[in-house]
Amino acid sequence: MGREFRLSKVMHTVTLGEKMEQLRIGVIGAGGKAVDYAASWAKMPDLRFVAVADVSAQACARLAAVSGGSPRAYADYRQMLTECRKDLDMVYVSTPHVLHGEQALAVTEAGLDLFLEKPMVTTVAEAKALIAAQNRIGNLIVVAFNGGLSPLVRDTRARIEAGEFGALVSVSGSIWEGWKDAYNGGWKQDPAISGGGFMFDTGAHMMNTICQLLDADFDRVSAYMNNRGKPVDITCAVSARTKSGVLVTLNAAGEGPKGCFSHMTLFFQNALVRIDAWGGSREISYGNGVWTREEDEITDNPMRTFLAVRRGAIPNPSTIQNGLRFARLWDAIKLSASRDGESVRVDE
């Protein structure tokens, strides 16, 4: 049976109303992603780059060149936090995965709001430590997952909560990328720095969006990994069950042609919902082969959503509590894979 698509382009903007305060931002980690974001954020009148920290002076200079200002450069992020504390409102952290826990804690202890690149941390212990610090300090922490901050994902979650689609039955998700060749020899394939392979890097988008949409803790997980000749996982297959009884299957393939794609299907009693891991597109069908497709621009959404959360315009959609749920799932996946797919309780 052919499928009929009804396409609509959805644009989500924040109504400013009054003139917004200019937030002073510091950056820890001036790699490619941070530079790309800085070039975009420099066009936003409510942001001003004050400082940047990176072990590479060249990386700091590259970010400064696109930031629209002259941020102070530091080789040590601790020195930046000490010397610039009173001149900063927030910090964006974009460093190799294993550094997130330590740096997020340092920013929190400094009393600054934090925009933390994905994945939030590498272990459950780090997630719990960050939650404890936030509870004590009271700063804002938003995890920079595109999916977590996507208006389409937020809208899907709201409609699930409202019961529009009926009860959730099961979930199937896949993500794939020519990741093995694209990052060959780089830090993302060094387990001492990355905290995992393809599933923990690109696959983190899929796992986090699933955790957010389900809003439920996982109970049991069975997982297999294949390193495909690399020191980290390149492919991963997961079969899991939430504590509410929803069955979930996830597949991550990090070897293949160039490009990066994903699709996740949520099967409800009354509808099917397809959405990509980054929240850039969504399809909904209530049966009869008719699908309504929506698309959204996701490039600028992360920071715009962060600013909206900081103003109190919307609740935080990408919390460290959801980051803890993600960390528990990831720890269980690693444990099961190390036991050749043995089913393990997430609480282990």
Protein backbone atom coordinates (compact mmCIF):
# COMPACT_ATOMS: atom_id res chain seq x y z
CA MET A 1 0.00 0.00 0.00
CA GLY A 2 1.37 3.42 -0.95
CA ARG A 3 1.86 6.07 1.67
CA GLU A 4 0.41 9.53 1.35
CA PHE A 5 2.54 12.31 2.86
CA ARG A 6 1.25 15.66 3.95
CA LEU A 7 4.27 17.89 4.42
CA SER A 8 4.42 20.97 6.55
CA LYS A 9 7.41 23.05 7.59
CA VAL A 10 7.30 24.07 11.21
CA MET A 11 9.27 27.04 12.44
CA HIS A 12 9.77 27.55 16.15
CA THR A 13 10.93 30.97 17.30
CA VAL A 14 11.13 32.59 20.67
CA THR A 15 9.12 35.78 21.07
CA LEU A 16 11.45 38.18 22.78
CA GLY A 17 8.92 40.87 23.66
CA GLU A 18 11.33 43.05 25.56
CA LYS A 19 15.04 43.66 25.12
CA MET A 20 16.99 40.72 26.52
CA GLU A 21 20.07 40.95 28.72
CA GLN A 22 23.32 40.12 27.00
CA LEU A 23 24.69 36.93 28.50
CA ARG A 24 28.42 36.60 28.94
CA ILE A 25 29.60 33.21 27.77
CA GLY A 26 32.77 31.23 28.37
CA VAL A 27 33.76 28.19 26.30
CA ILE A 28 35.70 25.16 27.47
CA GLY A 29 36.90 23.19 24.45
CA ALA A 30 37.36 25.01 21.15
CA GLY A 31 37.09 22.10 18.74
CA GLY A 32 35.18 21.96 15.49
CA LYS A 33 31.70 21.76 17.02
CA ALA A 34 32.36 24.70 19.35
CA VAL A 35 33.70 26.81 16.48
CA ASP A 36 30.67 26.00 14.31
CA TYR A 37 28.32 26.91 17.13
CA ALA A 38 30.27 30.09 17.94
CA ALA A 39 29.94 31.30 14.36
CA SER A 40 26.17 30.89 14.63
CA TRP A 41 25.82 32.22 18.17
CA ALA A 42 27.87 35.31 17.36
CA LYS A 43 24.89 36.49 15.31
CA MET A 44 22.65 36.41 18.39
CA PRO A 45 22.52 39.83 20.07
CA ASP A 46 21.86 38.35 23.51
CA LEU A 47 25.22 36.54 23.68
CA ARG A 48 28.77 37.86 24.13
CA PHE A 49 31.88 35.67 24.19
CA VAL A 50 34.12 36.61 27.12
CA ALA A 51 36.61 33.75 27.47
CA VAL A 52 37.69 30.48 25.86
CA ALA A 53 39.84 27.67 27.25
CA ASP A 54 41.56 24.97 25.21
CA VAL A 55 44.93 23.22 25.40
CA SER A 56 45.49 24.37 21.80
CA ALA A 57 46.24 28.07 21.34
CA GLN A 58 45.40 27.66 17.66
CA ALA A 59 41.94 26.34 18.53
CA CYS A 60 41.34 29.29 20.87
CA ALA A 61 42.36 31.70 18.11
CA ARG A 62 40.08 29.98 15.61
CA LEU A 63 37.07 30.32 17.91
CA ALA A 64 37.94 33.93 18.73
CA ALA A 65 38.04 34.74 15.03
CA VAL A 66 34.42 33.68 14.51
CA SER A 67 33.00 34.83 17.84
CA GLY A 68 32.46 38.45 16.91
CA GLY A 69 34.64 39.68 19.79
CA SER A 70 37.98 39.23 21.51
CA PRO A 71 37.49 36.56 24.19
CA ARG A 72 40.34 36.01 26.61
CA ALA A 73 42.19 32.77 25.83
CA TYR A 74 43.38 30.22 28.40
CA ALA A 75 45.21 26.92 28.15
CA ASP A 76 43.68 25.75 31.47
CA TYR A 77 39.94 25.93 32.03
CA ARG A 78 40.48 26.13 35.79
CA GLN A 79 42.38 29.38 35.38
CA MET A 80 39.61 30.70 33.16
CA LEU A 81 36.97 29.92 35.79
CA THR A 82 39.07 31.51 38.53
CA GLU A 83 39.99 34.71 36.71
CA CYS A 84 36.76 35.24 34.76
CA ARG A 85 34.19 34.02 37.29
CA LYS A 86 32.71 37.50 37.91
CA ASP A 87 32.68 38.28 34.18
CA LEU A 88 30.70 35.17 33.13
CA ASP A 89 27.06 34.16 33.29
CA MET A 90 27.32 30.74 31.61
CA VAL A 91 29.80 28.26 30.22
CA TYR A 92 29.53 25.96 27.21
CA VAL A 93 31.58 22.75 27.57
CA SER A 94 32.57 20.93 24.37
CA THR A 95 35.51 18.64 25.10
CA PRO A 96 36.28 14.90 24.74
CA HIS A 97 33.67 12.83 26.54
CA VAL A 98 35.70 11.66 29.53
CA LEU A 99 36.38 15.28 30.56
CA HIS A 100 32.72 16.28 30.83
CA GLY A 101 32.18 15.06 34.37
CA GLU A 102 35.16 16.88 35.87
CA GLN A 103 34.59 20.10 33.94
CA ALA A 104 30.84 20.19 34.54
CA LEU A 105 31.46 19.88 38.27
CA ALA A 106 34.00 22.72 38.15
CA VAL A 107 31.59 25.03 36.32
CA THR A 108 28.81 24.14 38.76
CA GLU A 109 31.05 24.74 41.78
CA ALA A 110 31.84 28.15 40.31
CA GLY A 111 28.12 28.92 40.45
CA LEU A 112 27.78 29.42 36.70
CA ASP A 113 25.01 28.17 34.44
CA LEU A 114 26.15 25.32 32.23
CA PHE A 115 25.42 24.28 28.66
CA LEU A 116 27.03 20.81 28.53
CA GLU A 117 27.77 19.03 25.28
CA LYS A 118 26.63 15.47 24.81
CA PRO A 119 27.02 12.85 26.14
CA MET A 120 26.56 14.42 29.56
CA VAL A 121 29.04 12.15 31.38
CA THR A 122 30.54 8.71 30.86
CA THR A 123 29.34 6.90 34.00
CA VAL A 124 26.43 6.74 36.43
CA ALA A 125 28.74 7.82 39.26
CA GLU A 126 29.61 11.04 37.42
CA ALA A 127 25.93 11.72 36.73
CA LYS A 128 25.02 11.32 40.39
CA ALA A 129 27.89 13.60 41.46
CA LEU A 130 26.72 16.30 39.04
CA ILE A 131 23.13 16.05 40.26
CA ALA A 132 24.28 16.37 43.87
CA ALA A 133 26.35 19.44 42.99
CA GLN A 134 23.48 21.10 41.15
CA ASN A 135 21.13 20.43 44.06
CA ARG A 136 23.64 22.11 46.34
CA ILE A 137 24.56 25.09 44.14
CA GLY A 138 21.29 25.66 42.29
CA ASN A 139 22.73 26.57 38.89
CA LEU A 140 21.07 25.76 35.57
CA ILE A 141 22.42 22.78 33.64
CA VAL A 142 21.13 21.97 30.16
CA VAL A 143 22.58 19.05 28.18
CA ALA A 144 23.19 20.03 24.55
CA PHE A 145 21.45 17.17 22.81
CA ASN A 146 19.83 18.37 19.58
CA GLY A 147 16.99 15.92 20.09
CA GLY A 148 16.50 16.83 23.71
CA LEU A 149 16.23 20.50 22.76
CA SER A 150 14.21 20.02 19.56
CA PRO A 151 10.71 21.57 19.50
CA LEU A 152 9.46 18.51 17.61
CA VAL A 153 10.69 16.16 20.34
CA ARG A 154 9.24 18.37 23.05
CA ASP A 155 5.91 18.51 21.22
CA THR A 156 5.90 14.74 20.73
CA ARG A 157 6.50 14.19 24.44
CA ALA A 158 3.69 16.59 25.35
CA ARG A 159 1.25 14.78 23.05
CA ILE A 160 2.30 11.42 24.50
CA GLU A 161 1.60 12.74 28.00
CA ALA A 162 -1.78 14.06 26.85
CA GLY A 163 -2.73 10.56 25.65
CA GLU A 164 -3.26 11.58 22.04
CA PHE A 165 -1.61 8.45 20.63
CA GLY A 166 -2.81 5.96 23.22
CA ALA A 167 -0.55 3.68 25.23
CA LEU A 168 2.99 3.07 23.98
CA VAL A 169 3.52 -0.53 22.88
CA SER A 170 7.10 -0.74 21.60
CA VAL A 171 9.97 1.28 20.11
CA SER A 172 12.44 0.57 17.32
CA GLY A 173 15.42 2.82 16.59
CA SER A 174 18.35 2.77 14.17
CA ILE A 175 21.25 5.10 13.52
CA TRP A 176 24.06 4.72 11.04
CA GLU A 177 27.08 6.68 9.80
CA GLY A 178 30.39 6.21 8.02
CA TRP A 179 31.91 6.79 11.46
CA LYS A 180 34.67 4.17 11.37
CA ASP A 181 36.46 5.90 8.50
CA ALA A 182 35.43 9.46 9.32
CA TYR A 183 37.11 9.39 12.76
CA ASN A 184 39.89 6.92 12.01
CA GLY A 185 42.84 7.63 14.29
CA GLY A 186 41.03 10.42 16.15
CA TRP A 187 40.22 10.78 19.83
CA LYS A 188 36.70 9.45 19.35
CA GLN A 189 38.21 6.01 18.66
CA ASP A 190 40.49 6.14 21.70
CA PRO A 191 38.58 4.42 24.55
CA ALA A 192 40.64 6.24 27.20
CA ILE A 193 39.27 9.57 25.97
CA SER A 194 35.97 8.78 24.28
CA GLY A 195 34.30 6.57 26.89
CA GLY A 196 32.91 4.37 24.12
CA GLY A 197 32.61 4.01 20.38
CA PHE A 198 29.95 4.75 17.80
CA MET A 199 27.02 3.89 20.07
CA PHE A 200 28.24 6.33 22.73
CA ASP A 201 29.11 9.07 20.24
CA THR A 202 26.56 9.40 17.44
CA GLY A 203 24.34 6.72 18.97
CA ALA A 204 24.03 8.87 22.10
CA HIS A 205 21.57 11.06 20.19
CA MET A 206 19.31 8.08 19.61
CA MET A 207 19.55 6.76 23.17
CA ASN A 208 18.95 10.16 24.74
CA THR A 209 15.94 11.00 22.55
CA ILE A 210 14.43 7.61 23.31
CA CYS A 211 14.95 8.19 27.05
CA GLN A 212 13.29 11.59 26.79
CA LEU A 213 10.30 10.42 24.76
CA LEU A 214 9.67 7.39 26.94
CA ASP A 215 10.25 9.27 30.21
CA ALA A 216 10.66 5.86 31.87
CA ASP A 217 13.52 4.00 33.50
CA PHE A 218 14.88 0.86 31.86
CA ASP A 219 14.61 -2.47 33.65
CA ARG A 220 16.61 -5.06 31.68
CA VAL A 221 19.04 -4.82 28.76
CA SER A 222 20.72 -7.29 26.44
CA ALA A 223 23.40 -5.99 24.09
CA TYR A 224 26.01 -7.10 21.59
CA MET A 225 28.92 -5.06 20.21
CA ASN A 226 31.40 -5.57 17.39
CA ASN A 227 34.54 -3.44 17.16
CA ARG A 228 35.14 -4.26 13.50
CA GLY A 229 38.92 -4.10 14.01
CA LYS A 230 38.91 -0.89 16.05
CA PRO A 231 39.59 -0.39 19.79
CA VAL A 232 35.99 0.79 20.34
CA ASP A 233 32.58 -0.50 19.29
CA ILE A 234 31.56 0.19 15.70
CA THR A 235 28.26 -1.70 15.69
CA CYS A 236 25.85 -2.32 18.55
CA ALA A 237 22.51 -4.10 18.86
CA VAL A 238 20.33 -3.67 21.95
CA SER A 239 17.14 -5.31 23.15
CA ALA A 240 15.64 -3.75 26.25
CA ARG A 241 12.55 -3.46 28.45
CA THR A 242 11.46 -0.47 30.49
CA LYS A 243 10.08 -0.79 34.00
CA SER A 244 6.67 0.04 32.53
CA GLY A 245 6.91 -2.97 30.18
CA VAL A 246 7.62 -1.19 26.87
CA LEU A 247 9.95 -3.20 24.60
CA VAL A 248 12.77 -1.32 22.86
CA THR A 249 15.21 -2.36 20.14
CA LEU A 250 18.16 -0.20 19.09
CA ASN A 251 20.64 -0.71 16.26
CA ALA A 252 23.77 1.35 15.64
CA ALA A 253 25.97 0.81 12.57
CA GLY A 254 29.11 2.92 12.44
CA GLU A 255 30.56 1.49 9.23
CA GLY A 256 29.19 2.24 5.81
CA PRO A 257 28.98 4.94 3.15
CA LYS A 258 29.43 8.62 3.94
CA GLY A 259 26.53 10.33 5.66
CA CYS A 260 24.66 10.09 8.94
CA PHE A 261 21.01 9.09 9.29
CA SER A 262 18.59 7.83 11.88
CA HIS A 263 14.97 6.88 12.30
CA MET A 264 13.00 5.83 15.34
CA THR A 265 9.48 4.47 15.28
CA LEU A 266 7.22 4.58 18.32
CA PHE A 267 4.31 2.16 18.09
CA PHE A 268 1.23 3.32 20.02
CA GLN A 269 -2.22 1.81 20.29
CA ASN A 270 -3.72 4.53 18.09
CA ALA A 271 -0.83 5.91 16.04
CA LEU A 272 2.67 5.47 14.67
CA VAL A 273 5.26 8.20 15.22
CA ARG A 274 8.55 8.33 13.33
CA ILE A 275 11.17 10.85 14.38
CA ASP A 276 14.91 11.18 13.82
CA ALA A 277 17.42 11.21 16.66
CA TRP A 278 18.06 14.96 16.33
CA GLY A 279 14.43 16.03 16.17
CA GLY A 280 14.76 17.45 12.67
CA SER A 281 11.79 15.61 11.18
CA ARG A 282 8.70 13.75 12.34
CA GLU A 283 6.01 11.66 10.66
CA ILE A 284 2.71 10.71 12.30
CA SER A 285 0.14 8.25 11.02
CA TYR A 286 -3.21 7.35 12.54
CA GLY A 287 -3.67 4.55 10.02
CA ASN A 288 -4.87 4.12 6.41
CA GLY A 289 -1.37 4.80 5.05
CA VAL A 290 -1.63 8.57 5.54
CA TRP A 291 1.44 10.22 7.08
CA THR A 292 1.83 13.83 8.09
CA ARG A 293 5.45 14.96 7.86
CA GLU A 294 6.95 17.95 9.65
CA GLU A 295 10.47 19.34 9.52
CA ASP A 296 12.31 21.76 11.75
CA GLU A 297 15.61 23.62 11.64
CA ILE A 298 17.83 22.16 14.37
CA THR A 299 21.11 24.08 13.92
CA ASP A 300 20.27 27.04 16.16
CA ASN A 301 17.73 25.34 18.42
CA PRO A 302 20.15 24.18 21.15
CA MET A 303 21.28 27.65 22.24
CA ARG A 304 17.91 29.28 21.61
CA THR A 305 16.30 26.65 23.80
CA PHE A 306 18.96 27.13 26.48
CA LEU A 307 18.24 30.86 26.55
CA ALA A 308 14.50 30.26 26.71
CA VAL A 309 14.98 27.90 29.66
CA ARG A 310 17.23 30.41 31.41
CA ARG A 311 14.60 33.13 31.01
CA GLY A 312 11.96 30.82 32.44
CA ALA A 313 9.98 30.80 29.19
CA ILE A 314 9.95 26.98 29.01
CA PRO A 315 10.84 24.12 31.38
CA ASN A 316 14.25 22.53 30.91
CA PRO A 317 13.66 19.73 28.36
CA SER A 318 17.19 18.27 28.56
CA THR A 319 17.96 17.77 32.23
CA ILE A 320 20.75 16.02 34.06
CA GLN A 321 18.10 13.74 35.53
CA ASN A 322 17.43 12.45 32.02
CA GLY A 323 21.21 12.30 31.64
CA LEU A 324 21.31 9.94 34.61
CA ARG A 325 18.71 7.71 32.96
CA PHE A 326 20.83 7.70 29.80
CA ALA A 327 23.98 6.88 31.82
CA ARG A 328 22.27 3.93 33.48
CA LEU A 329 21.20 2.60 30.09
CA TRP A 330 24.72 3.00 28.69
CA ASP A 331 26.35 1.28 31.68
CA ALA A 332 23.94 -1.63 31.30
CA ILE A 333 24.66 -1.89 27.57
CA LYS A 334 28.41 -2.08 28.25
CA LEU A 335 27.93 -4.65 31.00
CA SER A 336 25.70 -6.88 28.88
CA ALA A 337 28.02 -6.65 25.87
CA SER A 338 30.98 -7.62 28.06
CA ARG A 339 28.99 -10.74 29.03
CA ASP A 340 28.24 -11.70 25.42
CA GLY A 341 24.68 -10.38 25.41
CA GLU A 342 23.60 -11.67 28.82
CA SER A 343 20.43 -9.94 30.03
CA VAL A 344 21.31 -7.62 32.91
CA ARG A 345 19.31 -5.44 35.26
CA VAL A 346 19.93 -1.76 34.72
CA ASP A 347 20.39 -1.31 38.47
CA GLU A 348 23.52 -3.48 38.28
